[in-house]
Structures are given as structure tokens and as C-alpha cells.
Amino acid sequence: MCKPIRRSVAPLIGLFGLLASGCGAGGAAAVGSGEKSQSSGSAAAATKWTPEKVSALFLDAAGAGLTGGKSHTVPQGTIDKIILCVPLNPLKMPTVPVEKTHSTTGQESGVAGKGRIVQEGWVLPDEAKATELSRQIDSKMSECRYSGSTQALFDKDVRVDSSSTTHAYPRDEFGWQGHRIEQTMALDRKRNSVSTELLVRRGPVILRLHYINYTPKTAEPELRSQNLSVLRKVLAHPA
């Protein structure tokens, strides 16, 4: 009985982030020279962002290396909270509220046993409001630092070991900066997933990008590098 249930545990935990968003309404690149950083900041400020322009940055399944899987879309203007990370207890998501009218379309694509990507964005009225929202995110980052064990939400016979660490994501060459969150989850001491999340801001825009990698045998550092390279494709898109 346990084996088929266990197969369902990982996707359900991994999916919890986007599902929670829908229910609400619905390493890093080094900073360049001072001149380059200033230029990136100016470009970010000059860009006229709209929710449509932000969602156009998002990868499709093929771009994320997840061809052949399933995709799900949350309509624009319906995501009223920013989920900061997946906690040890998925029923207690650390979140920051945000006016849902600022949200872009939310996108999720996944291939069973390989990976899943979640992409969400918010366009605030101006950079000052985005900065204030970023400060609220900063103040709750401690909730994304933990290491521990618990029972699986959907199978009390399965033990879940999970760890989560947070890191600064310095301003990159495209003007994005914020947080990088690295998480690992194991079911009954067998690694199930290695995930990387970016919570970043550029001008009035905030993005939440989350890649969950289910590849079973590849070394964890290599998976983290793969995750980040996929997410940076979003950030590297021209404004």
C-alpha cells in the first residue's frame, strides 16, 4: 500500500506552492563594475513594465527542458500572496500579501520524475512600492532556513527529511537582485528532490521562480547548477 502512495507524496509537496497561490485568488552572477551596475539599474528604471511584458519573460516547457510534461496556468490578476519557500510543514507556508491586481499570469510546467518549474511575477505601481515589498520579504527570510524531519502530509508512514538555506542573489548583469533559496527533500532517507528558488526584484517588478529537480542519481551540486541555469534564462530575457 505504501509504495504507490509514496509516489504521490513528492509531486503533491512540490506542487503546493503554486496551488496555494491559485487558492489565494486564484552560483549567482557576480556584480560587475560600478559603471555596469549603474547602467543596469538605469535600464531597469527606464523599462515600462506591464504584467504582460513580465509574463513574456517566462519559459515555456521546452525552454525549461520539460518538454512532454503537463502545464498549468493561473490567470493574471489572481495571485494575492508571494510564497517565500516550501516549509517543513507545507500547511504553514511563509507568505507576504500583495495586491492581486499587480500579479502576472502564473505558469507551471512539469515532467514526472524529472522536474517542475513555477514562474510568477508582480508589477508594482512604482519602484518604491516594490522596494517596500522586498523589505517585507527580507524580514521573513528566516522562515526559509531550517533542517528537520516530519511525517509526510499524505502518508503518516513516510518520513520526510528536509533542509532549506537562504543566500543573497547579488545584482546581476540584467539588474535583478534578491534571494536564492536552496532546498533538499528526502523520503525515508532517500533523496527525492533538489530545488532552487529565486525571489528577485528589478525596478517595480518582483519575480518568484522555482525549479524542483527530481533527477534521482545526479550529484546535488550539479543539480543546483542545472536549476539555476534554467531560472537565469528567465532573467536573461530582454526587457
Protein backbone atom coordinates (compact mmCIF):
# COMPACT_ATOMS: atom_id res chain seq x y z
CA MET A 1 0.00 0.00 0.00
CA CYS A 2 2.73 2.50 0.86
CA LYS A 3 4.67 2.38 -2.39
CA PRO A 4 2.01 3.86 -4.69
CA ILE A 5 1.15 6.47 -2.09
CA ARG A 6 4.80 7.49 -1.80
CA ARG A 7 4.96 8.22 -5.50
CA SER A 8 2.23 10.77 -4.99
CA VAL A 9 3.80 12.47 -1.98
CA ALA A 10 6.62 14.27 -3.77
CA PRO A 11 4.59 15.90 -6.55
CA LEU A 12 1.94 16.99 -4.07
CA ILE A 13 4.52 18.64 -1.82
CA GLY A 14 6.31 20.16 -4.80
CA LEU A 15 3.04 21.45 -6.28
CA PHE A 16 1.89 23.03 -3.02
CA GLY A 17 3.47 26.40 -3.82
CA LEU A 18 1.53 27.13 -6.99
CA LEU A 19 -1.66 25.51 -5.73
CA ALA A 20 -1.59 27.75 -2.67
CA SER A 21 -1.14 30.79 -4.92
CA GLY A 22 -4.07 29.78 -7.06
CA CYS A 23 -6.25 29.29 -3.99
CA GLY A 24 -5.38 32.77 -2.75
CA ALA A 25 -7.38 34.14 -5.60
CA GLY A 26 -6.94 32.02 -7.68
CA GLY A 27 26.21 30.32 -8.06
CA ALA A 28 24.72 33.71 -8.76
CA ALA A 29 26.32 36.03 -11.26
CA ALA A 30 28.87 38.37 -9.72
CA VAL A 31 28.16 42.07 -9.75
CA GLY A 32 30.17 43.79 -12.45
CA SER A 33 31.93 47.12 -12.30
CA GLY A 34 30.24 50.10 -10.70
CA GLU A 35 29.59 51.54 -14.14
CA LYS A 36 27.93 48.33 -15.34
CA SER A 37 25.81 48.04 -12.19
CA GLN A 38 24.67 51.66 -12.54
CA SER A 39 23.83 51.06 -16.19
CA SER A 40 21.72 48.01 -15.27
CA GLY A 41 19.86 50.00 -12.64
CA SER A 42 19.13 52.81 -15.09
CA ALA A 43 17.86 50.34 -17.66
CA ALA A 44 15.57 48.74 -15.08
CA ALA A 45 14.14 52.10 -14.09
CA ALA A 46 13.62 53.14 -17.72
CA THR A 47 11.75 49.98 -18.71
CA LYS A 48 7.98 50.37 -18.88
CA TRP A 49 6.86 47.14 -17.27
CA THR A 50 3.41 45.61 -17.65
CA PRO A 51 2.14 42.24 -16.40
CA GLU A 52 2.06 41.05 -20.00
CA LYS A 53 5.66 42.07 -20.59
CA VAL A 54 6.79 40.29 -17.43
CA SER A 55 4.95 37.05 -18.20
CA ALA A 56 6.52 37.16 -21.65
CA LEU A 57 9.85 36.56 -19.90
CA PHE A 58 8.66 33.19 -18.61
CA LEU A 59 9.90 29.97 -20.17
CA ASP A 60 7.63 27.51 -21.89
CA ALA A 61 8.03 23.80 -21.16
CA ALA A 62 10.60 23.35 -23.94
CA GLY A 63 12.65 26.33 -22.75
CA ALA A 64 12.76 24.86 -19.27
CA GLY A 65 13.82 21.45 -20.58
CA LEU A 66 10.47 19.90 -19.62
CA THR A 67 9.01 19.01 -22.99
CA GLY A 68 6.29 16.39 -22.88
CA GLY A 69 5.02 17.17 -19.41
CA LYS A 70 1.95 18.93 -18.08
CA SER A 71 1.42 22.67 -17.77
CA HIS A 72 -0.88 24.78 -15.66
CA THR A 73 -1.69 28.50 -15.84
CA VAL A 74 -3.08 30.81 -13.15
CA PRO A 75 -4.86 33.82 -14.71
CA GLN A 76 -3.37 37.30 -14.49
CA GLY A 77 -4.57 39.40 -11.56
CA THR A 78 -5.40 36.48 -9.24
CA ILE A 79 -2.29 35.68 -7.15
CA ASP A 80 -2.58 37.63 -3.90
CA LYS A 81 0.45 36.36 -1.98
CA ILE A 82 4.14 35.71 -2.55
CA ILE A 83 5.11 32.28 -1.23
CA LEU A 84 8.63 32.58 0.12
CA CYS A 85 9.57 28.89 0.21
CA VAL A 86 8.26 25.41 0.96
CA PRO A 87 8.44 24.91 4.76
CA LEU A 88 8.90 21.64 6.61
CA ASN A 89 5.14 21.72 7.22
CA PRO A 90 3.51 22.57 3.84
CA LEU A 91 0.35 23.68 5.64
CA LYS A 92 2.22 26.68 7.11
CA MET A 93 3.55 28.45 4.06
CA PRO A 94 5.51 31.65 4.81
CA THR A 95 3.91 34.30 2.61
CA VAL A 96 3.82 38.04 2.02
CA PRO A 97 0.48 39.52 0.90
CA VAL A 98 0.36 41.57 -2.30
CA GLU A 99 -2.49 43.22 -4.16
CA LYS A 100 -3.65 40.61 -6.66
CA THR A 101 -4.26 43.16 -9.40
CA HIS A 102 -0.47 43.53 -9.67
CA SER A 103 0.10 39.85 -10.46
CA THR A 104 1.09 38.46 -13.82
CA THR A 105 -0.06 35.17 -15.23
CA GLY A 106 1.34 32.32 -13.16
CA GLN A 107 2.86 29.42 -15.06
CA GLU A 108 3.85 25.90 -14.03
CA SER A 109 5.26 23.07 -16.14
CA GLY A 110 6.47 19.67 -15.01
CA VAL A 111 7.60 16.23 -16.09
CA ALA A 112 7.08 13.39 -13.63
CA GLY A 113 10.38 12.13 -12.21
CA LYS A 114 12.38 14.93 -13.88
CA GLY A 115 11.47 18.43 -12.79
CA ARG A 116 8.94 21.18 -12.31
CA ILE A 117 9.15 24.94 -12.76
CA VAL A 118 6.91 27.60 -11.22
CA GLN A 119 7.04 31.18 -12.55
CA GLU A 120 5.14 34.10 -11.01
CA GLY A 121 5.50 37.88 -11.13
CA TRP A 122 4.10 41.14 -9.78
CA VAL A 123 4.35 44.63 -11.28
CA LEU A 124 4.04 47.25 -8.56
CA PRO A 125 2.91 50.83 -9.30
CA ASP A 126 6.45 52.14 -8.84
CA GLU A 127 9.91 51.11 -7.70
CA ALA A 128 9.40 52.49 -4.18
CA LYS A 129 6.44 50.17 -3.57
CA ALA A 130 8.42 47.22 -4.96
CA THR A 131 11.28 48.07 -2.63
CA GLU A 132 8.91 48.11 0.36
CA LEU A 133 7.51 44.72 -0.65
CA SER A 134 11.07 43.41 -0.96
CA ARG A 135 11.73 44.56 2.61
CA GLN A 136 8.74 42.56 3.80
CA ILE A 137 10.22 39.52 2.04
CA ASP A 138 13.60 40.21 3.65
CA SER A 139 12.04 40.31 7.11
CA LYS A 140 10.60 36.78 6.74
CA MET A 141 13.57 35.02 5.16
CA SER A 142 14.43 33.40 8.48
CA GLU A 143 11.39 31.15 7.98
CA CYS A 144 13.17 29.64 4.97
CA ARG A 145 16.19 28.50 6.98
CA TYR A 146 15.66 25.13 8.65
CA SER A 147 16.67 21.46 8.81
CA GLY A 148 14.42 18.79 10.25
CA SER A 149 12.13 15.79 9.88
CA THR A 150 8.40 15.25 9.90
CA GLN A 151 5.75 12.83 8.72
CA ALA A 152 4.57 13.13 5.12
CA LEU A 153 1.39 15.13 4.81
CA PHE A 154 -0.43 12.44 2.82
CA ASP A 155 1.18 9.30 4.29
CA LYS A 156 1.96 9.20 8.00
CA ASP A 157 4.18 6.14 7.49
CA VAL A 158 6.63 8.14 5.34
CA ARG A 159 9.37 10.21 6.98
CA VAL A 160 10.30 13.49 5.31
CA ASP A 161 13.76 14.99 5.91
CA SER A 162 14.14 18.49 4.54
CA SER A 163 16.68 21.30 4.69
CA SER A 164 16.47 24.86 3.44
CA THR A 165 19.12 27.57 3.20
CA THR A 166 18.93 31.16 2.01
CA HIS A 167 21.54 33.15 0.11
CA ALA A 168 21.79 36.63 -1.31
CA TYR A 169 21.34 36.90 -5.06
CA PRO A 170 23.55 39.92 -5.85
CA ARG A 171 22.51 42.31 -8.61
CA ASP A 172 23.27 40.51 -11.84
CA GLU A 173 24.16 41.91 -15.25
CA PHE A 174 20.47 42.24 -16.11
CA GLY A 175 19.59 44.27 -12.99
CA TRP A 176 17.87 41.55 -10.91
CA GLN A 177 18.70 41.09 -7.22
CA GLY A 178 17.21 39.49 -4.12
CA HIS A 179 17.29 35.99 -2.61
CA ARG A 180 18.23 32.48 -3.69
CA ILE A 181 16.76 29.62 -1.64
CA GLU A 182 18.14 26.08 -1.86
CA GLN A 183 16.14 23.14 -0.54
CA THR A 184 16.59 19.37 -0.41
CA MET A 185 13.93 16.81 0.48
CA ALA A 186 14.26 13.09 1.20
CA LEU A 187 11.55 10.50 1.72
CA ASP A 188 12.51 7.72 4.13
CA ARG A 189 16.14 8.89 3.86
CA LYS A 190 16.15 8.61 0.06
CA ARG A 191 16.65 11.92 -1.73
CA ASN A 192 13.52 12.96 -3.55
CA SER A 193 14.17 16.50 -4.79
CA VAL A 194 16.71 19.31 -5.01
CA SER A 195 15.12 22.69 -5.60
CA THR A 196 16.26 26.24 -6.25
CA GLU A 197 14.09 29.33 -5.88
CA LEU A 198 14.80 32.94 -6.80
CA LEU A 199 12.88 35.83 -5.24
CA VAL A 200 14.23 38.82 -7.12
CA ARG A 201 13.37 42.42 -7.93
CA ARG A 202 14.16 44.69 -10.85
CA GLY A 203 12.68 48.17 -10.79
CA PRO A 204 8.96 47.79 -9.93
CA VAL A 205 8.92 44.06 -10.76
CA ILE A 206 9.19 41.12 -8.35
CA LEU A 207 9.60 37.56 -9.62
CA ARG A 208 9.24 34.20 -7.90
CA LEU A 209 10.97 31.47 -9.90
CA HIS A 210 11.15 27.94 -8.51
CA TYR A 211 12.71 24.87 -10.13
CA ILE A 212 12.25 21.49 -8.41
CA ASN A 213 14.60 18.81 -9.73
CA TYR A 214 13.59 15.17 -9.18
CA THR A 215 16.54 13.57 -11.03
CA PRO A 216 17.46 10.69 -8.69
CA LYS A 217 21.16 9.91 -9.14
CA THR A 218 22.92 13.09 -10.27
CA ALA A 219 25.05 14.74 -7.57
CA GLU A 220 23.34 17.56 -5.68
CA PRO A 221 25.81 20.33 -6.65
CA GLU A 222 25.29 19.52 -10.32
CA LEU A 223 21.51 19.64 -9.93
CA ARG A 224 21.75 23.01 -8.19
CA SER A 225 23.80 24.34 -11.08
CA GLN A 226 21.25 22.99 -13.56
CA ASN A 227 18.37 24.54 -11.63
CA LEU A 228 19.98 27.96 -11.54
CA SER A 229 20.91 27.88 -15.21
CA VAL A 230 17.26 27.26 -16.11
CA LEU A 231 15.98 30.06 -13.89
CA ARG A 232 18.56 32.51 -15.18
CA LYS A 233 17.15 32.03 -18.69
CA VAL A 234 14.11 33.96 -17.44
CA LEU A 235 16.23 36.77 -16.03
CA ALA A 236 18.36 36.97 -19.18
CA HIS A 237 15.40 37.65 -21.45
CA PRO A 238 15.46 41.21 -22.84
CA ALA A 239 13.07 43.62 -21.12
